[in-house]
Amino acid sequence: MSENERIDCMKCKHYFVTWDPGAPKGCKAFGFKTKMLPSIIVLQSSGKPCLNFEAKLKQQS
């Protein structure tokens, strides 16, 4: 994954939705909740794309 590629947290196994209206998105890997996608916060804070991204396993029906 290149540095210019945007990481889609909703496809990551660490992403979760919270009940907090002020911070509806969260990251289990980093342990925080936010209004924006966690990968954007990680990029703004560290200057590097999220290195904890792990694709969700697809459930078979």
PDB file of N, CA and C in Angstrom:
ATOM      1  N   MET A   1       0.838  -1.179   0.000  1.00  0.00           N
ATOM      2  CA  MET A   1       0.000   0.000   0.000  1.00  0.00           C
ATOM      3  C   MET A   1       0.883   1.241   0.000  1.00  0.00           C
ATOM      4  N   SER A   2       0.656   2.139  -0.929  1.00  0.00           N
ATOM      5  CA  SER A   2       1.486   3.344  -1.020  1.00  0.00           C
ATOM      6  C   SER A   2       1.022   4.391  -0.016  1.00  0.00           C
ATOM      7  N   GLU A   3       1.888   5.362   0.234  1.00  0.00           N
ATOM      8  CA  GLU A   3       1.560   6.401   1.212  1.00  0.00           C
ATOM      9  C   GLU A   3       0.407   7.290   0.758  1.00  0.00           C
ATOM     10  N   ASN A   4       0.194   7.403  -0.566  1.00  0.00           N
ATOM     11  CA  ASN A   4      -0.884   8.244  -1.086  1.00  0.00           C
ATOM     12  C   ASN A   4      -2.229   7.535  -1.104  1.00  0.00           C
ATOM     13  N   GLU A   5      -2.228   6.225  -0.886  1.00  0.00           N
ATOM     14  CA  GLU A   5      -3.462   5.456  -0.903  1.00  0.00           C
ATOM     15  C   GLU A   5      -4.220   5.659   0.403  1.00  0.00           C
ATOM     16  N   ARG A   6      -5.509   5.949   0.281  1.00  0.00           N
ATOM     17  CA  ARG A   6      -6.327   6.172   1.470  1.00  0.00           C
ATOM     18  C   ARG A   6      -6.790   4.828   2.034  1.00  0.00           C
ATOM     19  N   ILE A   7      -6.666   4.654   3.317  1.00  0.00           N
ATOM     20  CA  ILE A   7      -7.041   3.411   3.967  1.00  0.00           C
ATOM     21  C   ILE A   7      -8.514   3.485   4.351  1.00  0.00           C
ATOM     22  N   ASP A   8      -9.276   2.477   3.964  1.00  0.00           N
ATOM     23  CA  ASP A   8     -10.703   2.412   4.269  1.00  0.00           C
ATOM     24  C   ASP A   8     -10.883   1.617   5.559  1.00  0.00           C
ATOM     25  N   CYS A   9     -11.062   2.330   6.650  1.00  0.00           N
ATOM     26  CA  CYS A   9     -11.184   1.694   7.961  1.00  0.00           C
ATOM     27  C   CYS A   9     -12.353   0.715   8.028  1.00  0.00           C
ATOM     28  N   MET A  10     -13.398   0.980   7.264  1.00  0.00           N
ATOM     29  CA  MET A  10     -14.574   0.115   7.322  1.00  0.00           C
ATOM     30  C   MET A  10     -14.285  -1.289   6.794  1.00  0.00           C
ATOM     31  N   LYS A  11     -13.158  -1.471   6.126  1.00  0.00           N
ATOM     32  CA  LYS A  11     -12.751  -2.786   5.642  1.00  0.00           C
ATOM     33  C   LYS A  11     -11.715  -3.425   6.561  1.00  0.00           C
ATOM     34  N   CYS A  12     -11.413  -2.768   7.680  1.00  0.00           N
ATOM     35  CA  CYS A  12     -10.398  -3.248   8.625  1.00  0.00           C
ATOM     36  C   CYS A  12     -11.056  -3.971   9.797  1.00  0.00           C
ATOM     37  N   LYS A  13     -10.409  -5.030  10.266  1.00  0.00           N
ATOM     38  CA  LYS A  13     -10.977  -5.788  11.383  1.00  0.00           C
ATOM     39  C   LYS A  13     -10.892  -5.040  12.712  1.00  0.00           C
ATOM     40  N   HIS A  14     -10.111  -3.985  12.799  1.00  0.00           N
ATOM     41  CA  HIS A  14      -9.974  -3.216  14.038  1.00  0.00           C
ATOM     42  C   HIS A  14     -11.008  -2.090  14.157  1.00  0.00           C
ATOM     43  N   TYR A  15     -11.703  -1.792  13.064  1.00  0.00           N
ATOM     44  CA  TYR A  15     -12.699  -0.714  13.048  1.00  0.00           C
ATOM     45  C   TYR A  15     -13.973  -1.154  13.766  1.00  0.00           C
ATOM     46  N   PHE A  16     -14.573  -0.228  14.520  1.00  0.00           N
ATOM     47  CA  PHE A  16     -15.861  -0.515  15.144  1.00  0.00           C
ATOM     48  C   PHE A  16     -16.688   0.756  15.234  1.00  0.00           C
ATOM     49  N   VAL A  17     -18.002   0.561  15.333  1.00  0.00           N
ATOM     50  CA  VAL A  17     -18.947   1.669  15.466  1.00  0.00           C
ATOM     51  C   VAL A  17     -19.324   1.765  16.934  1.00  0.00           C
ATOM     52  N   THR A  18     -19.330   2.991  17.474  1.00  0.00           N
ATOM     53  CA  THR A  18     -19.626   3.197  18.889  1.00  0.00           C
ATOM     54  C   THR A  18     -21.046   3.732  19.067  1.00  0.00           C
ATOM     55  N   TRP A  19     -21.486   3.783  20.295  1.00  0.00           N
ATOM     56  CA  TRP A  19     -22.785   4.379  20.628  1.00  0.00           C
ATOM     57  C   TRP A  19     -22.627   5.841  20.991  1.00  0.00           C
ATOM     58  N   ASP A  20     -21.431   6.351  20.968  1.00  0.00           N
ATOM     59  CA  ASP A  20     -21.135   7.728  21.347  1.00  0.00           C
ATOM     60  C   ASP A  20     -21.415   8.656  20.154  1.00  0.00           C
ATOM     61  N   PRO A  21     -22.444   9.514  20.245  1.00  0.00           N
ATOM     62  CA  PRO A  21     -22.754  10.395  19.113  1.00  0.00           C
ATOM     63  C   PRO A  21     -21.634  11.390  18.798  1.00  0.00           C
ATOM     64  N   GLY A  22     -20.810  11.708  19.763  1.00  0.00           N
ATOM     65  CA  GLY A  22     -19.708  12.640  19.554  1.00  0.00           C
ATOM     66  C   GLY A  22     -18.489  11.992  18.926  1.00  0.00           C
ATOM     67  N   ALA A  23     -18.425  10.670  18.979  1.00  0.00           N
ATOM     68  CA  ALA A  23     -17.290   9.924  18.413  1.00  0.00           C
ATOM     69  C   ALA A  23     -17.802   8.566  17.949  1.00  0.00           C
ATOM     70  N   PRO A  24     -18.478   8.523  16.800  1.00  0.00           N
ATOM     71  CA  PRO A  24     -19.132   7.287  16.371  1.00  0.00           C
ATOM     72  C   PRO A  24     -18.229   6.225  15.740  1.00  0.00           C
ATOM     73  N   LYS A  25     -16.972   6.546  15.492  1.00  0.00           N
ATOM     74  CA  LYS A  25     -16.063   5.593  14.849  1.00  0.00           C
ATOM     75  C   LYS A  25     -14.901   5.286  15.786  1.00  0.00           C
ATOM     76  N   GLY A  26     -14.441   4.033  15.775  1.00  0.00           N
ATOM     77  CA  GLY A  26     -13.357   3.676  16.671  1.00  0.00           C
ATOM     78  C   GLY A  26     -12.363   2.710  16.062  1.00  0.00           C
ATOM     79  N   CYS A  27     -11.205   2.627  16.703  1.00  0.00           N
ATOM     80  CA  CYS A  27     -10.145   1.716  16.286  1.00  0.00           C
ATOM     81  C   CYS A  27      -9.704   0.904  17.500  1.00  0.00           C
ATOM     82  N   LYS A  28      -9.887  -0.414  17.417  1.00  0.00           N
ATOM     83  CA  LYS A  28      -9.477  -1.294  18.515  1.00  0.00           C
ATOM     84  C   LYS A  28      -7.966  -1.410  18.601  1.00  0.00           C
ATOM     85  N   ALA A  29      -7.284  -1.319  17.472  1.00  0.00           N
ATOM     86  CA  ALA A  29      -5.822  -1.457  17.462  1.00  0.00           C
ATOM     87  C   ALA A  29      -5.151  -0.314  18.222  1.00  0.00           C
ATOM     88  N   PHE A  30      -5.656   0.903  18.039  1.00  0.00           N
ATOM     89  CA  PHE A  30      -5.067   2.063  18.720  1.00  0.00           C
ATOM     90  C   PHE A  30      -5.834   2.472  19.968  1.00  0.00           C
ATOM     91  N   GLY A  31      -7.050   1.960  20.126  1.00  0.00           N
ATOM     92  CA  GLY A  31      -7.826   2.216  21.341  1.00  0.00           C
ATOM     93  C   GLY A  31      -8.382   3.625  21.447  1.00  0.00           C
ATOM     94  N   PHE A  32      -8.944   4.141  20.360  1.00  0.00           N
ATOM     95  CA  PHE A  32      -9.568   5.461  20.450  1.00  0.00           C
ATOM     96  C   PHE A  32     -10.840   5.532  19.620  1.00  0.00           C
ATOM     97  N   LYS A  33     -11.670   6.542  19.940  1.00  0.00           N
ATOM     98  CA  LYS A  33     -12.902   6.825  19.211  1.00  0.00           C
ATOM     99  C   LYS A  33     -12.791   8.230  18.635  1.00  0.00           C
ATOM    100  N   THR A  34     -13.471   8.474  17.503  1.00  0.00           N
ATOM    101  CA  THR A  34     -13.355   9.752  16.823  1.00  0.00           C
ATOM    102  C   THR A  34     -14.563  10.014  15.928  1.00  0.00           C
ATOM    103  N   LYS A  35     -14.703  11.255  15.472  1.00  0.00           N
ATOM    104  CA  LYS A  35     -15.746  11.600  14.505  1.00  0.00           C
ATOM    105  C   LYS A  35     -15.333  11.222  13.095  1.00  0.00           C
ATOM    106  N   MET A  36     -14.045  11.336  12.804  1.00  0.00           N
ATOM    107  CA  MET A  36     -13.531  11.024  11.466  1.00  0.00           C
ATOM    108  C   MET A  36     -13.080   9.569  11.412  1.00  0.00           C
ATOM    109  N   LEU A  37     -12.753   9.111  10.212  1.00  0.00           N
ATOM    110  CA  LEU A  37     -12.197   7.761  10.104  1.00  0.00           C
ATOM    111  C   LEU A  37     -10.876   7.708  10.877  1.00  0.00           C
ATOM    112  N   PRO A  38     -10.672   6.660  11.654  1.00  0.00           N
ATOM    113  CA  PRO A  38      -9.434   6.554  12.434  1.00  0.00           C
ATOM    114  C   PRO A  38      -8.160   6.660  11.598  1.00  0.00           C
ATOM    115  N   SER A  39      -8.175   6.157  10.373  1.00  0.00           N
ATOM    116  CA  SER A  39      -6.966   6.226   9.540  1.00  0.00           C
ATOM    117  C   SER A  39      -6.571   7.672   9.232  1.00  0.00           C
ATOM    118  N   ILE A  40      -7.554   8.569   9.167  1.00  0.00           N
ATOM    119  CA  ILE A  40      -7.254   9.987   8.933  1.00  0.00           C
ATOM    120  C   ILE A  40      -6.572  10.585  10.163  1.00  0.00           C
ATOM    121  N   ILE A  41      -7.058  10.225  11.335  1.00  0.00           N
ATOM    122  CA  ILE A  41      -6.453  10.711  12.586  1.00  0.00           C
ATOM    123  C   ILE A  41      -5.022  10.200  12.712  1.00  0.00           C
ATOM    124  N   VAL A  42      -4.807   8.927  12.385  1.00  0.00           N
ATOM    125  CA  VAL A  42      -3.458   8.345  12.451  1.00  0.00           C
ATOM    126  C   VAL A  42      -2.528   9.077  11.494  1.00  0.00           C
ATOM    127  N   LEU A  43      -2.982   9.339  10.284  1.00  0.00           N
ATOM    128  CA  LEU A  43      -2.164  10.048   9.297  1.00  0.00           C
ATOM    129  C   LEU A  43      -1.835  11.467   9.762  1.00  0.00           C
ATOM    130  N   GLN A  44      -2.839  12.169  10.309  1.00  0.00           N
ATOM    131  CA  GLN A  44      -2.604  13.537  10.792  1.00  0.00           C
ATOM    132  C   GLN A  44      -1.655  13.550  11.988  1.00  0.00           C
ATOM    133  N   SER A  45      -1.780  12.573  12.863  1.00  0.00           N
ATOM    134  CA  SER A  45      -0.959  12.537  14.088  1.00  0.00           C
ATOM    135  C   SER A  45       0.477  12.111  13.835  1.00  0.00           C
ATOM    136  N   SER A  46       0.650  11.102  12.975  1.00  0.00           N
ATOM    137  CA  SER A  46       1.989  10.539  12.790  1.00  0.00           C
ATOM    138  C   SER A  46       2.657  10.950  11.485  1.00  0.00           C
ATOM    139  N   GLY A  47       1.841  11.411  10.530  1.00  0.00           N
ATOM    140  CA  GLY A  47       2.385  11.744   9.230  1.00  0.00           C
ATOM    141  C   GLY A  47       2.576  10.528   8.340  1.00  0.00           C
ATOM    142  N   LYS A  48       2.160   9.359   8.839  1.00  0.00           N
ATOM    143  CA  LYS A  48       2.287   8.111   8.088  1.00  0.00           C
ATOM    144  C   LYS A  48       0.932   7.414   8.051  1.00  0.00           C
ATOM    145  N   PRO A  49       0.686   6.635   6.996  1.00  0.00           N
ATOM    146  CA  PRO A  49      -0.579   5.891   6.942  1.00  0.00           C
ATOM    147  C   PRO A  49      -0.624   4.826   8.034  1.00  0.00           C
ATOM    148  N   CYS A  50      -1.804   4.400   8.371  1.00  0.00           N
ATOM    149  CA  CYS A  50      -1.992   3.382   9.405  1.00  0.00           C
ATOM    150  C   CYS A  50      -1.278   2.091   9.019  1.00  0.00           C
ATOM    151  N   LEU A  51      -0.482   1.577   9.923  1.00  0.00           N
ATOM    152  CA  LEU A  51       0.254   0.345   9.682  1.00  0.00           C
ATOM    153  C   LEU A  51      -0.430  -0.862  10.327  1.00  0.00           C
ATOM    154  N   ASN A  52      -1.552  -0.615  11.022  1.00  0.00           N
ATOM    155  CA  ASN A  52      -2.275  -1.701  11.689  1.00  0.00           C
ATOM    156  C   ASN A  52      -3.447  -2.223  10.887  1.00  0.00           C
ATOM    157  N   PHE A  53      -3.623  -1.758   9.653  1.00  0.00           N
ATOM    158  CA  PHE A  53      -4.743  -2.213   8.834  1.00  0.00           C
ATOM    159  C   PHE A  53      -4.649  -3.707   8.578  1.00  0.00           C
ATOM    160  N   GLU A  54      -5.752  -4.408   8.871  1.00  0.00           N
ATOM    161  CA  GLU A  54      -5.883  -5.828   8.553  1.00  0.00           C
ATOM    162  C   GLU A  54      -7.267  -6.031   7.969  1.00  0.00           C
ATOM    163  N   ALA A  55      -7.324  -6.544   6.768  1.00  0.00           N
ATOM    164  CA  ALA A  55      -8.617  -6.722   6.092  1.00  0.00           C
ATOM    165  C   ALA A  55      -9.505  -7.680   6.877  1.00  0.00           C
ATOM    166  N   LYS A  56     -10.803  -7.358   6.925  1.00  0.00           N
ATOM    167  CA  LYS A  56     -11.775  -8.231   7.570  1.00  0.00           C
ATOM    168  C   LYS A  56     -11.882  -9.523   6.777  1.00  0.00           C
ATOM    169  N   LEU A  57     -12.106 -10.597   7.492  1.00  0.00           N
ATOM    170  CA  LEU A  57     -12.357 -11.864   6.819  1.00  0.00           C
ATOM    171  C   LEU A  57     -13.802 -11.861   6.340  1.00  0.00           C
ATOM    172  N   LYS A  58     -14.018 -12.278   5.122  1.00  0.00           N
ATOM    173  CA  LYS A  58     -15.379 -12.311   4.588  1.00  0.00           C
ATOM    174  C   LYS A  58     -16.109 -13.532   5.139  1.00  0.00           C
ATOM    175  N   GLN A  59     -17.341 -13.300   5.595  1.00  0.00           N
ATOM    176  CA  GLN A  59     -18.158 -14.393   6.101  1.00  0.00           C
ATOM    177  C   GLN A  59     -18.838 -15.097   4.935  1.00  0.00           C
ATOM    178  N   GLN A  60     -18.820 -16.402   4.992  1.00  0.00           N
ATOM    179  CA  GLN A  60     -19.497 -17.164   3.951  1.00  0.00           C
ATOM    180  C   GLN A  60     -20.933 -17.407   4.361  1.00  0.00           C
ATOM    181  N   SER A  61     -21.848 -17.301   3.407  1.00  0.00           N
ATOM    182  CA  SER A  61     -23.263 -17.466   3.732  1.00  0.00           C
ATOM    183  C   SER A  61     -23.774 -18.850   3.455  1.00  0.00           C
TER     184      SER A  61
END
